[in-house]
Each structure stands twice: as structure tokens, then as C-alpha cells.
Amino acid sequence: MFRRATGLLARRLISSSGSRARPYSTDLPAAPTADSTFVEAWKKVIPNIEPPKTPLSFMKPRPATPPSIPSKLTVNFVLPYASELSTKEVDMVIIPAATGQMGVLPGHVATIAELKPGVLSVHEGNEVKKYFISSGFAFIHANSYADIIAIEAVPVDQIDPGLVQKGLAEFTQKLSSASTDLEKAEAQIGVEVHSALNSALTG
């Protein structure tokens, strides 16, 4: 059954010429800097007034996929309230994916990964910068760009070990005394996050 499914999937993904039926987004031409469809529709309805700018107008063209694997990985690491890294060229990042630690080097296959509480390591030469992140997503593109979006993040060297141990003890106590499903779920999340924080400090 699995062999048959694999064959059917391969036939769908690969055209008769041997190329992919659906190219990756990074294989497509760069997106235009203006929403031409919107502008055309606007001019038909209100030709005497300049159309307003759409979000697409402020976006930079998509970087093309290089013909060879670059020596550096370009990383964007953002939070809802801040940008930690913007088009930063690094050697490698290690992200705490839900399926386990995942190392990302230049030329990595295009991937989307859900992130769990854990350590994000940014490697640049002999320097390693570590952040503890709560959750989020990582988008690895075929053009050796990586977009990492986290809900919360803090440099590991700014974490107070005493507060981590105190929080872990409190949530462990709450978990053992929880009487409802909601209390158990909240306590379990607290235990998992503080356990991950503790591992980040001791690992």
C-alpha cells in the first residue's frame, strides 16, 4: 500500500519532462512591488483619484534562489513587539521544533516547523547566541532564508535560575493538587515551560 501511494504521489509531483509540476515559491519570479490588479480595478471605477497603497506596495521583491548554495544562512527572527534579527547572515541556526531539535544550514530544504518551548541557537563563526523561546513557527525557504517567528523570547544569559526553580516548584505543586481539567492543563503547561527553561540553563 505504501509503495503504491508513493508511486502515485511521485507521478503527481513530477511531470513527464522530469521537472516539478509545482515550483517552490522561491523558484517563481519576484513579486511586483505594486498590486497591479487592484490598481487596474481602481482606475476603472475611480479614474480621477490616485489609488491608495496596499501592503504589497511596501514589500521588497522576493530574493531569487541562488544557482549554488551560499556560504551563509540569512535569518529574520521576529517577535510581536520587536525584531531580534533582521537579514542577519549566520552559519547555522538550531531551532526547537515540535519534532525535536533541527539544525538549519544554507541550502536547507524548504520547510515549515512548529516551535515548542526551548532554545534557539544562532551560530556565527565561533560565537553562539542562545534565546529561550516559548512557541512559534519557523519558515525555511529554498533560497537559504529563514524566518523565525516566536511569541516570546529572551536571551538565555538573562534568565534568573532562582525564579525558574521557584516557578517549577509552584507549578509542580499546582499539578499535583489540581482538581479540574482546566487547572491540570494550566499547571502542565507551567511545568513544561519551566522544565524547558531549566534545561536551557543546565544544558
C-alpha atoms as a PDB file:
ATOM      1  CA  MET A   1       0.000   0.000   0.000  1.00  0.00           C
ATOM      2  CA  PHE A   2       2.777   2.439   0.950  1.00  0.00           C
ATOM      3  CA  ARG A   3       4.721   1.655  -2.233  1.00  0.00           C
ATOM      4  CA  ARG A   4       1.642   2.285  -4.340  1.00  0.00           C
ATOM      5  CA  ALA A   5       0.898   5.555  -2.530  1.00  0.00           C
ATOM      6  CA  THR A   6       4.491   6.686  -3.002  1.00  0.00           C
ATOM      7  CA  GLY A   7       4.309   5.944  -6.712  1.00  0.00           C
ATOM      8  CA  LEU A   8       1.067   7.844  -7.143  1.00  0.00           C
ATOM      9  CA  LEU A   9       2.463  10.811  -5.225  1.00  0.00           C
ATOM     10  CA  ALA A  10       5.618  10.833  -7.301  1.00  0.00           C
ATOM     11  CA  ARG A  11       3.647  10.784 -10.552  1.00  0.00           C
ATOM     12  CA  ARG A  12       1.622  13.756  -9.405  1.00  0.00           C
ATOM     13  CA  LEU A  13       4.627  15.790  -8.297  1.00  0.00           C
ATOM     14  CA  ILE A  14       6.886  15.026 -11.244  1.00  0.00           C
ATOM     15  CA  SER A  15       5.862  15.940 -14.766  1.00  0.00           C
ATOM     16  CA  SER A  16       6.691  13.910 -17.859  1.00  0.00           C
ATOM     17  CA  SER A  17       9.761  16.064 -18.516  1.00  0.00           C
ATOM     18  CA  GLY A  18      11.174  15.219 -15.094  1.00  0.00           C
ATOM     19  CA  SER A  19      10.692  18.651 -13.536  1.00  0.00           C
ATOM     20  CA  ARG A  20       8.438  19.561 -10.616  1.00  0.00           C
ATOM     21  CA  ALA A  21       4.810  20.145 -11.535  1.00  0.00           C
ATOM     22  CA  ARG A  22       4.532  22.875  -8.902  1.00  0.00           C
ATOM     23  CA  PRO A  23       7.659  25.016  -8.340  1.00  0.00           C
ATOM     24  CA  TYR A  24       8.621  26.276  -4.912  1.00  0.00           C
ATOM     25  CA  SER A  25       7.610  29.844  -4.145  1.00  0.00           C
ATOM     26  CA  THR A  26      11.266  30.863  -4.201  1.00  0.00           C
ATOM     27  CA  ASP A  27      11.618  29.482  -7.750  1.00  0.00           C
ATOM     28  CA  LEU A  28       8.971  31.906  -9.008  1.00  0.00           C
ATOM     29  CA  PRO A  29       9.779  35.409 -10.286  1.00  0.00           C
ATOM     30  CA  ALA A  30       9.982  38.122  -7.662  1.00  0.00           C
ATOM     31  CA  ALA A  31       6.611  39.562  -6.727  1.00  0.00           C
ATOM     32  CA  PRO A  32       5.858  43.008  -8.170  1.00  0.00           C
ATOM     33  CA  THR A  33       6.150  45.963  -5.812  1.00  0.00           C
ATOM     34  CA  ALA A  34       2.644  47.191  -6.691  1.00  0.00           C
ATOM     35  CA  ASP A  35      -0.688  45.409  -6.707  1.00  0.00           C
ATOM     36  CA  SER A  36      -1.388  45.816 -10.433  1.00  0.00           C
ATOM     37  CA  THR A  37      -4.742  44.020 -10.283  1.00  0.00           C
ATOM     38  CA  PHE A  38      -6.023  46.354  -7.570  1.00  0.00           C
ATOM     39  CA  VAL A  39      -4.717  49.448  -9.376  1.00  0.00           C
ATOM     40  CA  GLU A  40      -6.391  48.462 -12.636  1.00  0.00           C
ATOM     41  CA  ALA A  41      -9.713  47.790 -10.921  1.00  0.00           C
ATOM     42  CA  TRP A  42      -9.490  51.098  -9.016  1.00  0.00           C
ATOM     43  CA  LYS A  43      -8.848  53.131 -12.185  1.00  0.00           C
ATOM     44  CA  LYS A  44     -11.882  51.600 -13.872  1.00  0.00           C
ATOM     45  CA  VAL A  45     -14.147  52.705 -11.020  1.00  0.00           C
ATOM     46  CA  ILE A  46     -12.476  55.964  -9.900  1.00  0.00           C
ATOM     47  CA  PRO A  47     -10.173  57.126 -12.691  1.00  0.00           C
ATOM     48  CA  ASN A  48      -9.707  60.665 -11.340  1.00  0.00           C
ATOM     49  CA  ILE A  49      -8.281  59.687  -7.950  1.00  0.00           C
ATOM     50  CA  GLU A  50      -4.935  58.009  -7.328  1.00  0.00           C
ATOM     51  CA  PRO A  51      -5.363  54.534  -5.806  1.00  0.00           C
ATOM     52  CA  PRO A  52      -4.259  54.043  -2.188  1.00  0.00           C
ATOM     53  CA  LYS A  53      -1.183  51.992  -1.469  1.00  0.00           C
ATOM     54  CA  THR A  54      -1.728  48.377  -0.435  1.00  0.00           C
ATOM     55  CA  PRO A  55       0.566  46.358   1.862  1.00  0.00           C
ATOM     56  CA  LEU A  56       2.126  44.780  -1.217  1.00  0.00           C
ATOM     57  CA  SER A  57       3.421  48.223  -2.223  1.00  0.00           C
ATOM     58  CA  PHE A  58       5.709  48.266   0.826  1.00  0.00           C
ATOM     59  CA  MET A  59       7.117  44.769   0.363  1.00  0.00           C
ATOM     60  CA  LYS A  60      10.573  44.187  -1.058  1.00  0.00           C
ATOM     61  CA  PRO A  61      10.868  41.828  -4.046  1.00  0.00           C
ATOM     62  CA  ARG A  62      11.371  38.190  -3.084  1.00  0.00           C
ATOM     63  CA  PRO A  63      15.091  37.218  -3.199  1.00  0.00           C
ATOM     64  CA  ALA A  64      15.764  34.798  -6.027  1.00  0.00           C
ATOM     65  CA  THR A  65      17.004  31.261  -5.419  1.00  0.00           C
ATOM     66  CA  PRO A  66      20.788  31.340  -5.961  1.00  0.00           C
ATOM     67  CA  PRO A  67      22.260  28.949  -8.575  1.00  0.00           C
ATOM     68  CA  SER A  68      24.569  27.463  -5.924  1.00  0.00           C
ATOM     69  CA  ILE A  69      24.342  27.034  -2.162  1.00  0.00           C
ATOM     70  CA  PRO A  70      25.518  30.252  -0.449  1.00  0.00           C
ATOM     71  CA  SER A  71      28.029  30.190   2.364  1.00  0.00           C
ATOM     72  CA  LYS A  72      25.668  31.921   4.808  1.00  0.00           C
ATOM     73  CA  LEU A  73      22.092  31.498   6.004  1.00  0.00           C
ATOM     74  CA  THR A  74      20.060  34.726   6.129  1.00  0.00           C
ATOM     75  CA  VAL A  75      17.859  34.834   9.245  1.00  0.00           C
ATOM     76  CA  ASN A  76      14.933  37.023  10.255  1.00  0.00           C
ATOM     77  CA  PHE A  77      13.933  36.468  13.896  1.00  0.00           C
ATOM     78  CA  VAL A  78      10.919  38.482  14.987  1.00  0.00           C
ATOM     79  CA  LEU A  79       8.549  38.809  17.941  1.00  0.00           C
ATOM     80  CA  PRO A  80       5.124  40.520  18.011  1.00  0.00           C
ATOM     81  CA  TYR A  81       6.751  43.569  19.612  1.00  0.00           C
ATOM     82  CA  ALA A  82      10.359  43.523  18.349  1.00  0.00           C
ATOM     83  CA  SER A  83      12.778  42.340  15.683  1.00  0.00           C
ATOM     84  CA  GLU A  84      15.687  40.441  17.202  1.00  0.00           C
ATOM     85  CA  LEU A  85      17.477  39.650  13.927  1.00  0.00           C
ATOM     86  CA  SER A  86      16.876  41.259  10.543  1.00  0.00           C
ATOM     87  CA  THR A  87      18.504  39.731   7.425  1.00  0.00           C
ATOM     88  CA  LYS A  88      21.328  38.518   9.657  1.00  0.00           C
ATOM     89  CA  GLU A  89      23.826  36.285   7.850  1.00  0.00           C
ATOM     90  CA  VAL A  90      24.867  33.356  10.041  1.00  0.00           C
ATOM     91  CA  ASP A  91      26.443  29.932   9.641  1.00  0.00           C
ATOM     92  CA  MET A  92      23.643  27.904  11.200  1.00  0.00           C
ATOM     93  CA  VAL A  93      20.623  28.027  13.491  1.00  0.00           C
ATOM     94  CA  ILE A  94      19.297  25.237  15.685  1.00  0.00           C
ATOM     95  CA  ILE A  95      15.576  25.555  16.372  1.00  0.00           C
ATOM     96  CA  PRO A  96      13.426  23.732  18.973  1.00  0.00           C
ATOM     97  CA  ALA A  97      10.933  22.182  16.556  1.00  0.00           C
ATOM     98  CA  ALA A  98       7.956  20.239  17.889  1.00  0.00           C
ATOM     99  CA  THR A  99       9.519  17.090  16.387  1.00  0.00           C
ATOM    100  CA  GLY A 100      12.907  17.731  18.024  1.00  0.00           C
ATOM    101  CA  GLN A 101      15.970  19.950  17.655  1.00  0.00           C
ATOM    102  CA  MET A 102      16.506  20.880  13.998  1.00  0.00           C
ATOM    103  CA  GLY A 103      19.706  22.307  12.585  1.00  0.00           C
ATOM    104  CA  VAL A 104      19.350  24.624   9.602  1.00  0.00           C
ATOM    105  CA  LEU A 105      22.300  25.290   7.293  1.00  0.00           C
ATOM    106  CA  PRO A 106      22.485  27.187   3.991  1.00  0.00           C
ATOM    107  CA  GLY A 107      20.753  25.198   1.261  1.00  0.00           C
ATOM    108  CA  HIS A 108      18.281  23.535   3.643  1.00  0.00           C
ATOM    109  CA  VAL A 109      15.184  22.106   2.004  1.00  0.00           C
ATOM    110  CA  ALA A 110      12.100  24.334   2.208  1.00  0.00           C
ATOM    111  CA  THR A 111      10.325  23.528   5.485  1.00  0.00           C
ATOM    112  CA  ILE A 112       7.705  24.862   7.890  1.00  0.00           C
ATOM    113  CA  ALA A 113       8.225  23.815  11.512  1.00  0.00           C
ATOM    114  CA  GLU A 114       6.142  24.433  14.626  1.00  0.00           C
ATOM    115  CA  LEU A 115       8.275  25.519  17.565  1.00  0.00           C
ATOM    116  CA  LYS A 116       7.986  24.342  21.163  1.00  0.00           C
ATOM    117  CA  PRO A 117       9.435  25.903  24.329  1.00  0.00           C
ATOM    118  CA  GLY A 118      13.192  25.544  24.067  1.00  0.00           C
ATOM    119  CA  VAL A 119      16.486  27.071  22.971  1.00  0.00           C
ATOM    120  CA  LEU A 120      17.104  28.741  19.634  1.00  0.00           C
ATOM    121  CA  SER A 121      20.859  28.779  18.915  1.00  0.00           C
ATOM    122  CA  VAL A 122      22.305  31.191  16.380  1.00  0.00           C
ATOM    123  CA  HIS A 123      25.818  30.207  15.244  1.00  0.00           C
ATOM    124  CA  GLU A 124      28.082  32.803  13.658  1.00  0.00           C
ATOM    125  CA  GLY A 125      31.730  31.804  13.459  1.00  0.00           C
ATOM    126  CA  ASN A 126      32.886  30.899  16.966  1.00  0.00           C
ATOM    127  CA  GLU A 127      30.053  32.844  18.593  1.00  0.00           C
ATOM    128  CA  VAL A 128      26.783  31.234  19.640  1.00  0.00           C
ATOM    129  CA  LYS A 129      23.829  33.352  20.736  1.00  0.00           C
ATOM    130  CA  LYS A 130      21.094  31.452  22.562  1.00  0.00           C
ATOM    131  CA  TYR A 131      17.483  32.527  23.054  1.00  0.00           C
ATOM    132  CA  PHE A 132      14.765  30.795  25.003  1.00  0.00           C
ATOM    133  CA  ILE A 133      11.532  30.903  23.016  1.00  0.00           C
ATOM    134  CA  SER A 134       8.038  29.992  24.158  1.00  0.00           C
ATOM    135  CA  SER A 135       6.475  28.867  20.870  1.00  0.00           C
ATOM    136  CA  GLY A 136       6.052  29.935  17.273  1.00  0.00           C
ATOM    137  CA  PHE A 137       6.888  28.852  13.744  1.00  0.00           C
ATOM    138  CA  ALA A 138       9.963  28.667  11.533  1.00  0.00           C
ATOM    139  CA  PHE A 139       9.761  29.073   7.770  1.00  0.00           C
ATOM    140  CA  ILE A 140      12.830  27.757   5.947  1.00  0.00           C
ATOM    141  CA  HIS A 141      12.944  28.864   2.316  1.00  0.00           C
ATOM    142  CA  ALA A 142      14.755  27.241  -0.594  1.00  0.00           C
ATOM    143  CA  ASN A 143      16.801  30.414  -1.190  1.00  0.00           C
ATOM    144  CA  SER A 144      18.657  29.951   2.150  1.00  0.00           C
ATOM    145  CA  TYR A 145      16.457  32.433   4.012  1.00  0.00           C
ATOM    146  CA  ALA A 146      14.890  31.519   7.373  1.00  0.00           C
ATOM    147  CA  ASP A 147      12.024  33.411   9.000  1.00  0.00           C
ATOM    148  CA  ILE A 148      11.583  32.574  12.695  1.00  0.00           C
ATOM    149  CA  ILE A 149       8.510  33.944  14.444  1.00  0.00           C
ATOM    150  CA  ALA A 150       8.186  33.480  18.213  1.00  0.00           C
ATOM    151  CA  ILE A 151       5.560  34.629  20.714  1.00  0.00           C
ATOM    152  CA  GLU A 152       8.101  35.340  23.467  1.00  0.00           C
ATOM    153  CA  ALA A 153      11.882  35.163  23.511  1.00  0.00           C
ATOM    154  CA  VAL A 154      14.658  36.116  25.904  1.00  0.00           C
ATOM    155  CA  PRO A 155      18.441  35.620  25.760  1.00  0.00           C
ATOM    156  CA  VAL A 156      19.372  32.615  27.886  1.00  0.00           C
ATOM    157  CA  ASP A 157      22.008  34.603  29.775  1.00  0.00           C
ATOM    158  CA  GLN A 158      19.265  36.930  31.072  1.00  0.00           C
ATOM    159  CA  ILE A 159      17.211  34.153  32.713  1.00  0.00           C
ATOM    160  CA  ASP A 160      17.229  34.042  36.524  1.00  0.00           C
ATOM    161  CA  PRO A 161      17.861  30.416  37.642  1.00  0.00           C
ATOM    162  CA  GLY A 162      16.290  31.097  41.050  1.00  0.00           C
ATOM    163  CA  LEU A 163      12.987  32.233  39.536  1.00  0.00           C
ATOM    164  CA  VAL A 164      12.970  29.221  37.219  1.00  0.00           C
ATOM    165  CA  GLN A 165      13.357  26.791  40.136  1.00  0.00           C
ATOM    166  CA  LYS A 166      10.714  28.641  42.123  1.00  0.00           C
ATOM    167  CA  GLY A 167       8.249  28.577  39.226  1.00  0.00           C
ATOM    168  CA  LEU A 168       8.893  24.903  38.533  1.00  0.00           C
ATOM    169  CA  ALA A 169       8.200  24.011  42.171  1.00  0.00           C
ATOM    170  CA  GLU A 170       4.996  26.092  42.227  1.00  0.00           C
ATOM    171  CA  PHE A 171       3.563  24.571  39.051  1.00  0.00           C
ATOM    172  CA  THR A 172       4.547  21.063  40.130  1.00  0.00           C
ATOM    173  CA  GLN A 173       2.599  21.607  43.354  1.00  0.00           C
ATOM    174  CA  LYS A 174      -0.379  23.005  41.395  1.00  0.00           C
ATOM    175  CA  LEU A 175      -0.340  19.985  39.088  1.00  0.00           C
ATOM    176  CA  SER A 176      -0.439  17.537  41.992  1.00  0.00           C
ATOM    177  CA  SER A 177      -3.319  19.383  43.667  1.00  0.00           C
ATOM    178  CA  ALA A 178      -5.344  20.268  40.546  1.00  0.00           C
ATOM    179  CA  SER A 179      -8.970  19.145  40.732  1.00  0.00           C
ATOM    180  CA  THR A 180     -10.315  20.230  37.312  1.00  0.00           C
ATOM    181  CA  ASP A 181      -9.157  19.624  33.748  1.00  0.00           C
ATOM    182  CA  LEU A 182      -8.505  23.337  33.280  1.00  0.00           C
ATOM    183  CA  GLU A 183      -6.313  23.535  36.394  1.00  0.00           C
ATOM    184  CA  LYS A 184      -4.420  20.421  35.288  1.00  0.00           C
ATOM    185  CA  ALA A 185      -3.860  21.815  31.783  1.00  0.00           C
ATOM    186  CA  GLU A 186      -2.629  25.184  33.081  1.00  0.00           C
ATOM    187  CA  ALA A 187      -0.323  23.522  35.600  1.00  0.00           C
ATOM    188  CA  GLN A 188       1.002  21.077  32.995  1.00  0.00           C
ATOM    189  CA  ILE A 189       1.881  23.932  30.645  1.00  0.00           C
ATOM    190  CA  GLY A 190       3.677  25.704  33.502  1.00  0.00           C
ATOM    191  CA  VAL A 191       5.654  22.582  34.353  1.00  0.00           C
ATOM    192  CA  GLU A 192       6.658  22.012  30.714  1.00  0.00           C
ATOM    193  CA  VAL A 193       7.760  25.615  30.155  1.00  0.00           C
ATOM    194  CA  HIS A 194       9.751  25.822  33.393  1.00  0.00           C
ATOM    195  CA  SER A 195      11.300  22.406  32.744  1.00  0.00           C
ATOM    196  CA  ALA A 196      12.416  23.656  29.330  1.00  0.00           C
ATOM    197  CA  LEU A 197      13.800  26.816  30.948  1.00  0.00           C
ATOM    198  CA  ASN A 198      15.692  24.698  33.456  1.00  0.00           C
ATOM    199  CA  SER A 199      17.111  22.522  30.677  1.00  0.00           C
ATOM    200  CA  ALA A 200      18.189  25.658  28.790  1.00  0.00           C
ATOM    201  CA  LEU A 201      20.187  26.777  31.813  1.00  0.00           C
ATOM    202  CA  THR A 202      21.731  23.438  32.646  1.00  0.00           C
ATOM    203  CA  GLY A 203      22.156  22.047  29.119  1.00  0.00           C
END
